[in-house]
Amino acid sequence: ILLTPYPPGIPLLIPGERFNKIIVDYLRFARDFNERFPGFETDVHGLVKREVNGKRDYFVDCVRQD
């Protein structure tokens, strides 16, 4: 997965990297910001937003290592 916030367009996570606390904290911030400020949503390439039953879900497609 490639996660790239825009702007500035600098990758947050590239294929082969693992999620860490800083990345998870940023994604939670983006989710919370988007819910608090509709119309000013963040744009993160690779972050999937979907509305289900009136509630937005955010997720990232990734491969789980067993």
PDB file of N, CA and C in Angstrom:
ATOM      1  N   ILE A   1       0.839  -1.178   0.000  1.00  0.00           N
ATOM      2  CA  ILE A   1       0.000   0.000   0.000  1.00  0.00           C
ATOM      3  C   ILE A   1       0.883   1.240   0.000  1.00  0.00           C
ATOM      4  N   LEU A   2       0.446   2.248  -0.653  1.00  0.00           N
ATOM      5  CA  LEU A   2       1.127   3.534  -0.646  1.00  0.00           C
ATOM      6  C   LEU A   2       0.151   4.550  -0.069  1.00  0.00           C
ATOM      7  N   LEU A   3       0.480   5.122   1.086  1.00  0.00           N
ATOM      8  CA  LEU A   3      -0.337   6.168   1.705  1.00  0.00           C
ATOM      9  C   LEU A   3       0.375   7.490   1.512  1.00  0.00           C
ATOM     10  N   THR A   4      -0.290   8.419   0.853  1.00  0.00           N
ATOM     11  CA  THR A   4       0.336   9.704   0.566  1.00  0.00           C
ATOM     12  C   THR A   4      -0.630  10.841   0.869  1.00  0.00           C
ATOM     13  N   PRO A   5      -0.411  11.580   1.962  1.00  0.00           N
ATOM     14  CA  PRO A   5      -1.243  12.758   2.234  1.00  0.00           C
ATOM     15  C   PRO A   5      -0.970  13.835   1.190  1.00  0.00           C
ATOM     16  N   TYR A   6      -2.037  14.543   0.797  1.00  0.00           N
ATOM     17  CA  TYR A   6      -1.859  15.628  -0.163  1.00  0.00           C
ATOM     18  C   TYR A   6      -2.588  16.856   0.335  1.00  0.00           C
ATOM     19  N   PRO A   7      -2.013  18.045   0.360  1.00  0.00           N
ATOM     20  CA  PRO A   7      -0.598  18.261   0.146  1.00  0.00           C
ATOM     21  C   PRO A   7       0.218  17.785   1.340  1.00  0.00           C
ATOM     22  N   PRO A   8       1.459  17.562   1.291  1.00  0.00           N
ATOM     23  CA  PRO A   8       2.449  17.933   0.303  1.00  0.00           C
ATOM     24  C   PRO A   8       2.758  16.837  -0.702  1.00  0.00           C
ATOM     25  N   GLY A   9       2.205  15.631  -0.541  1.00  0.00           N
ATOM     26  CA  GLY A   9       2.473  14.575  -1.502  1.00  0.00           C
ATOM     27  C   GLY A   9       3.677  13.719  -1.162  1.00  0.00           C
ATOM     28  N   ILE A  10       4.114  13.780   0.087  1.00  0.00           N
ATOM     29  CA  ILE A  10       5.246  12.964   0.547  1.00  0.00           C
ATOM     30  C   ILE A  10       4.681  11.676   1.144  1.00  0.00           C
ATOM     31  N   PRO A  11       5.114  10.496   0.673  1.00  0.00           N
ATOM     32  CA  PRO A  11       4.551   9.244   1.176  1.00  0.00           C
ATOM     33  C   PRO A  11       4.678   9.102   2.694  1.00  0.00           C
ATOM     34  N   LEU A  12       3.579   8.648   3.292  1.00  0.00           N
ATOM     35  CA  LEU A  12       3.526   8.356   4.716  1.00  0.00           C
ATOM     36  C   LEU A  12       3.905   6.895   4.955  1.00  0.00           C
ATOM     37  N   LEU A  13       3.522   6.040   4.030  1.00  0.00           N
ATOM     38  CA  LEU A  13       3.787   4.607   4.134  1.00  0.00           C
ATOM     39  C   LEU A  13       3.971   4.080   2.716  1.00  0.00           C
ATOM     40  N   ILE A  14       5.029   3.302   2.500  1.00  0.00           N
ATOM     41  CA  ILE A  14       5.268   2.732   1.178  1.00  0.00           C
ATOM     42  C   ILE A  14       5.229   1.213   1.275  1.00  0.00           C
ATOM     43  N   PRO A  15       5.001   0.527   0.147  1.00  0.00           N
ATOM     44  CA  PRO A  15       4.926  -0.928   0.180  1.00  0.00           C
ATOM     45  C   PRO A  15       6.147  -1.540   0.870  1.00  0.00           C
ATOM     46  N   GLY A  16       5.879  -2.502   1.744  1.00  0.00           N
ATOM     47  CA  GLY A  16       6.945  -3.182   2.481  1.00  0.00           C
ATOM     48  C   GLY A  16       7.136  -2.651   3.883  1.00  0.00           C
ATOM     49  N   GLU A  17       6.650  -1.444   4.157  1.00  0.00           N
ATOM     50  CA  GLU A  17       6.767  -0.886   5.507  1.00  0.00           C
ATOM     51  C   GLU A  17       5.639  -1.413   6.386  1.00  0.00           C
ATOM     52  N   ARG A  18       5.861  -1.317   7.681  1.00  0.00           N
ATOM     53  CA  ARG A  18       4.843  -1.720   8.648  1.00  0.00           C
ATOM     54  C   ARG A  18       4.198  -0.485   9.254  1.00  0.00           C
ATOM     55  N   PHE A  19       2.938  -0.632   9.623  1.00  0.00           N
ATOM     56  CA  PHE A  19       2.265   0.441  10.347  1.00  0.00           C
ATOM     57  C   PHE A  19       2.936   0.595  11.700  1.00  0.00           C
ATOM     58  N   ASN A  20       3.075   1.830  12.152  1.00  0.00           N
ATOM     59  CA  ASN A  20       3.579   2.064  13.505  1.00  0.00           C
ATOM     60  C   ASN A  20       2.655   3.075  14.174  1.00  0.00           C
ATOM     61  N   LYS A  21       2.937   3.401  15.414  1.00  0.00           N
ATOM     62  CA  LYS A  21       2.061   4.280  16.184  1.00  0.00           C
ATOM     63  C   LYS A  21       1.904   5.647  15.529  1.00  0.00           C
ATOM     64  N   ILE A  22       2.969   6.192  14.985  1.00  0.00           N
ATOM     65  CA  ILE A  22       2.898   7.519  14.363  1.00  0.00           C
ATOM     66  C   ILE A  22       1.944   7.498  13.165  1.00  0.00           C
ATOM     67  N   ILE A  23       2.030   6.473  12.349  1.00  0.00           N
ATOM     68  CA  ILE A  23       1.158   6.372  11.177  1.00  0.00           C
ATOM     69  C   ILE A  23      -0.292   6.187  11.608  1.00  0.00           C
ATOM     70  N   VAL A  24      -0.525   5.306  12.564  1.00  0.00           N
ATOM     71  CA  VAL A  24      -1.885   5.076  13.056  1.00  0.00           C
ATOM     72  C   VAL A  24      -2.446   6.352  13.680  1.00  0.00           C
ATOM     73  N   ASP A  25      -1.638   7.064  14.457  1.00  0.00           N
ATOM     74  CA  ASP A  25      -2.089   8.330  15.048  1.00  0.00           C
ATOM     75  C   ASP A  25      -2.469   9.334  13.969  1.00  0.00           C
ATOM     76  N   TYR A  26      -1.690   9.424  12.895  1.00  0.00           N
ATOM     77  CA  TYR A  26      -2.010  10.349  11.807  1.00  0.00           C
ATOM     78  C   TYR A  26      -3.326   9.960  11.133  1.00  0.00           C
ATOM     79  N   LEU A  27      -3.526   8.671  10.885  1.00  0.00           N
ATOM     80  CA  LEU A  27      -4.761   8.229  10.242  1.00  0.00           C
ATOM     81  C   LEU A  27      -5.971   8.487  11.133  1.00  0.00           C
ATOM     82  N   ARG A  28      -5.806   8.318  12.437  1.00  0.00           N
ATOM     83  CA  ARG A  28      -6.897   8.648  13.374  1.00  0.00           C
ATOM     84  C   ARG A  28      -7.182  10.142  13.362  1.00  0.00           C
ATOM     85  N   PHE A  29      -6.118  10.955  13.305  1.00  0.00           N
ATOM     86  CA  PHE A  29      -6.299  12.401  13.208  1.00  0.00           C
ATOM     87  C   PHE A  29      -7.095  12.754  11.954  1.00  0.00           C
ATOM     88  N   ALA A  30      -6.723  12.164  10.816  1.00  0.00           N
ATOM     89  CA  ALA A  30      -7.416  12.449   9.557  1.00  0.00           C
ATOM     90  C   ALA A  30      -8.889  12.075   9.667  1.00  0.00           C
ATOM     91  N   ARG A  31      -9.180  10.925  10.242  1.00  0.00           N
ATOM     92  CA  ARG A  31     -10.573  10.490  10.420  1.00  0.00           C
ATOM     93  C   ARG A  31     -11.339  11.478  11.293  1.00  0.00           C
ATOM     94  N   ASP A  32     -10.761  11.822  12.452  1.00  0.00           N
ATOM     95  CA  ASP A  32     -11.433  12.734  13.384  1.00  0.00           C
ATOM     96  C   ASP A  32     -11.615  14.124  12.776  1.00  0.00           C
ATOM     97  N   PHE A  33     -10.602  14.620  12.080  1.00  0.00           N
ATOM     98  CA  PHE A  33     -10.682  15.931  11.431  1.00  0.00           C
ATOM     99  C   PHE A  33     -11.803  15.941  10.400  1.00  0.00           C
ATOM    100  N   ASN A  34     -11.874  14.902   9.586  1.00  0.00           N
ATOM    101  CA  ASN A  34     -12.895  14.828   8.543  1.00  0.00           C
ATOM    102  C   ASN A  34     -14.299  14.808   9.129  1.00  0.00           C
ATOM    103  N   GLU A  35     -14.470  14.161  10.278  1.00  0.00           N
ATOM    104  CA  GLU A  35     -15.784  14.110  10.911  1.00  0.00           C
ATOM    105  C   GLU A  35     -16.157  15.452  11.535  1.00  0.00           C
ATOM    106  N   ARG A  36     -15.179  16.170  12.050  1.00  0.00           N
ATOM    107  CA  ARG A  36     -15.449  17.451  12.710  1.00  0.00           C
ATOM    108  C   ARG A  36     -15.614  18.604  11.730  1.00  0.00           C
ATOM    109  N   PHE A  37     -14.956  18.529  10.580  1.00  0.00           N
ATOM    110  CA  PHE A  37     -14.950  19.646   9.633  1.00  0.00           C
ATOM    111  C   PHE A  37     -15.357  19.192   8.230  1.00  0.00           C
ATOM    112  N   PRO A  38     -16.641  18.835   8.048  1.00  0.00           N
ATOM    113  CA  PRO A  38     -17.077  18.420   6.713  1.00  0.00           C
ATOM    114  C   PRO A  38     -16.866  19.549   5.705  1.00  0.00           C
ATOM    115  N   GLY A  39     -16.448  19.166   4.520  1.00  0.00           N
ATOM    116  CA  GLY A  39     -16.149  20.145   3.485  1.00  0.00           C
ATOM    117  C   GLY A  39     -14.677  20.523   3.440  1.00  0.00           C
ATOM    118  N   PHE A  40     -13.937  20.160   4.486  1.00  0.00           N
ATOM    119  CA  PHE A  40     -12.500  20.448   4.554  1.00  0.00           C
ATOM    120  C   PHE A  40     -11.704  19.152   4.747  1.00  0.00           C
ATOM    121  N   GLU A  41     -12.233  18.048   4.237  1.00  0.00           N
ATOM    122  CA  GLU A  41     -11.636  16.738   4.461  1.00  0.00           C
ATOM    123  C   GLU A  41     -10.200  16.668   3.962  1.00  0.00           C
ATOM    124  N   THR A  42      -9.424  15.850   4.656  1.00  0.00           N
ATOM    125  CA  THR A  42      -8.056  15.584   4.234  1.00  0.00           C
ATOM    126  C   THR A  42      -8.091  14.690   2.995  1.00  0.00           C
ATOM    127  N   ASP A  43      -7.038  14.712   2.227  1.00  0.00           N
ATOM    128  CA  ASP A  43      -6.927  13.860   1.049  1.00  0.00           C
ATOM    129  C   ASP A  43      -5.682  13.004   1.221  1.00  0.00           C
ATOM    130  N   VAL A  44      -5.893  11.726   1.490  1.00  0.00           N
ATOM    131  CA  VAL A  44      -4.778  10.792   1.667  1.00  0.00           C
ATOM    132  C   VAL A  44      -4.936   9.688   0.627  1.00  0.00           C
ATOM    133  N   HIS A  45      -4.067   9.708  -0.389  1.00  0.00           N
ATOM    134  CA  HIS A  45      -4.096   8.667  -1.420  1.00  0.00           C
ATOM    135  C   HIS A  45      -3.810   7.322  -0.756  1.00  0.00           C
ATOM    136  N   GLY A  46      -4.703   6.355  -0.940  1.00  0.00           N
ATOM    137  CA  GLY A  46      -4.534   5.037  -0.341  1.00  0.00           C
ATOM    138  C   GLY A  46      -5.450   4.816   0.850  1.00  0.00           C
ATOM    139  N   LEU A  47      -5.999   5.884   1.416  1.00  0.00           N
ATOM    140  CA  LEU A  47      -6.958   5.781   2.517  1.00  0.00           C
ATOM    141  C   LEU A  47      -8.344   5.709   1.895  1.00  0.00           C
ATOM    142  N   VAL A  48      -9.044   4.605   2.137  1.00  0.00           N
ATOM    143  CA  VAL A  48     -10.351   4.387   1.532  1.00  0.00           C
ATOM    144  C   VAL A  48     -11.429   4.851   2.506  1.00  0.00           C
ATOM    145  N   LYS A  49     -12.349   5.681   2.002  1.00  0.00           N
ATOM    146  CA  LYS A  49     -13.469   6.161   2.813  1.00  0.00           C
ATOM    147  C   LYS A  49     -14.744   5.575   2.226  1.00  0.00           C
ATOM    148  N   ARG A  50     -15.571   5.007   3.097  1.00  0.00           N
ATOM    149  CA  ARG A  50     -16.824   4.416   2.631  1.00  0.00           C
ATOM    150  C   ARG A  50     -17.900   4.712   3.656  1.00  0.00           C
ATOM    151  N   GLU A  51     -19.091   5.049   3.190  1.00  0.00           N
ATOM    152  CA  GLU A  51     -20.198   5.320   4.094  1.00  0.00           C
ATOM    153  C   GLU A  51     -21.094   4.094   4.151  1.00  0.00           C
ATOM    154  N   VAL A  52     -21.337   3.601   5.374  1.00  0.00           N
ATOM    155  CA  VAL A  52     -22.185   2.438   5.596  1.00  0.00           C
ATOM    156  C   VAL A  52     -23.179   2.797   6.689  1.00  0.00           C
ATOM    157  N   ASN A  53     -24.453   2.673   6.385  1.00  0.00           N
ATOM    158  CA  ASN A  53     -25.517   2.991   7.344  1.00  0.00           C
ATOM    159  C   ASN A  53     -25.367   4.388   7.924  1.00  0.00           C
ATOM    160  N   GLY A  54     -24.995   5.348   7.096  1.00  0.00           N
ATOM    161  CA  GLY A  54     -24.870   6.728   7.538  1.00  0.00           C
ATOM    162  C   GLY A  54     -23.608   7.047   8.309  1.00  0.00           C
ATOM    163  N   LYS A  55     -22.730   6.074   8.481  1.00  0.00           N
ATOM    164  CA  LYS A  55     -21.479   6.294   9.211  1.00  0.00           C
ATOM    165  C   LYS A  55     -20.312   6.047   8.262  1.00  0.00           C
ATOM    166  N   ARG A  56     -19.326   6.946   8.316  1.00  0.00           N
ATOM    167  CA  ARG A  56     -18.139   6.780   7.465  1.00  0.00           C
ATOM    168  C   ARG A  56     -17.175   5.786   8.086  1.00  0.00           C
ATOM    169  N   ASP A  57     -16.687   4.904   7.259  1.00  0.00           N
ATOM    170  CA  ASP A  57     -15.630   3.973   7.650  1.00  0.00           C
ATOM    171  C   ASP A  57     -14.384   4.343   6.863  1.00  0.00           C
ATOM    172  N   TYR A  58     -13.241   4.248   7.506  1.00  0.00           N
ATOM    173  CA  TYR A  58     -11.956   4.505   6.872  1.00  0.00           C
ATOM    174  C   TYR A  58     -11.130   3.234   6.993  1.00  0.00           C
ATOM    175  N   PHE A  59     -10.485   2.848   5.909  1.00  0.00           N
ATOM    176  CA  PHE A  59      -9.621   1.680   5.987  1.00  0.00           C
ATOM    177  C   PHE A  59      -8.525   1.762   4.940  1.00  0.00           C
ATOM    178  N   VAL A  60      -7.532   0.908   5.124  1.00  0.00           N
ATOM    179  CA  VAL A  60      -6.398   0.820   4.216  1.00  0.00           C
ATOM    180  C   VAL A  60      -6.267  -0.638   3.813  1.00  0.00           C
ATOM    181  N   ASP A  61      -6.198  -0.898   2.519  1.00  0.00           N
ATOM    182  CA  ASP A  61      -5.958  -2.260   2.047  1.00  0.00           C
ATOM    183  C   ASP A  61      -4.505  -2.615   2.331  1.00  0.00           C
ATOM    184  N   CYS A  62      -4.283  -3.739   2.972  1.00  0.00           N
ATOM    185  CA  CYS A  62      -2.912  -4.168   3.256  1.00  0.00           C
ATOM    186  C   CYS A  62      -2.861  -5.687   3.338  1.00  0.00           C
ATOM    187  N   VAL A  63      -1.678  -6.216   3.398  1.00  0.00           N
ATOM    188  CA  VAL A  63      -1.459  -7.653   3.495  1.00  0.00           C
ATOM    189  C   VAL A  63      -1.026  -7.967   4.910  1.00  0.00           C
ATOM    190  N   ARG A  64      -1.672  -8.937   5.513  1.00  0.00           N
ATOM    191  CA  ARG A  64      -1.331  -9.335   6.871  1.00  0.00           C
ATOM    192  C   ARG A  64      -0.264 -10.423   6.837  1.00  0.00           C
ATOM    193  N   GLN A  65       0.741 -10.240   7.659  1.00  0.00           N
ATOM    194  CA  GLN A  65       1.796 -11.244   7.755  1.00  0.00           C
ATOM    195  C   GLN A  65       1.470 -12.170   8.913  1.00  0.00           C
ATOM    196  N   ASP A  66       1.467 -13.477   8.655  1.00  0.00           N
ATOM    197  CA  ASP A  66       1.191 -14.458   9.723  1.00  0.00           C
ATOM    198  C   ASP A  66       2.465 -14.956  10.342  1.00  0.00           C
TER     199      ASP A  66
END
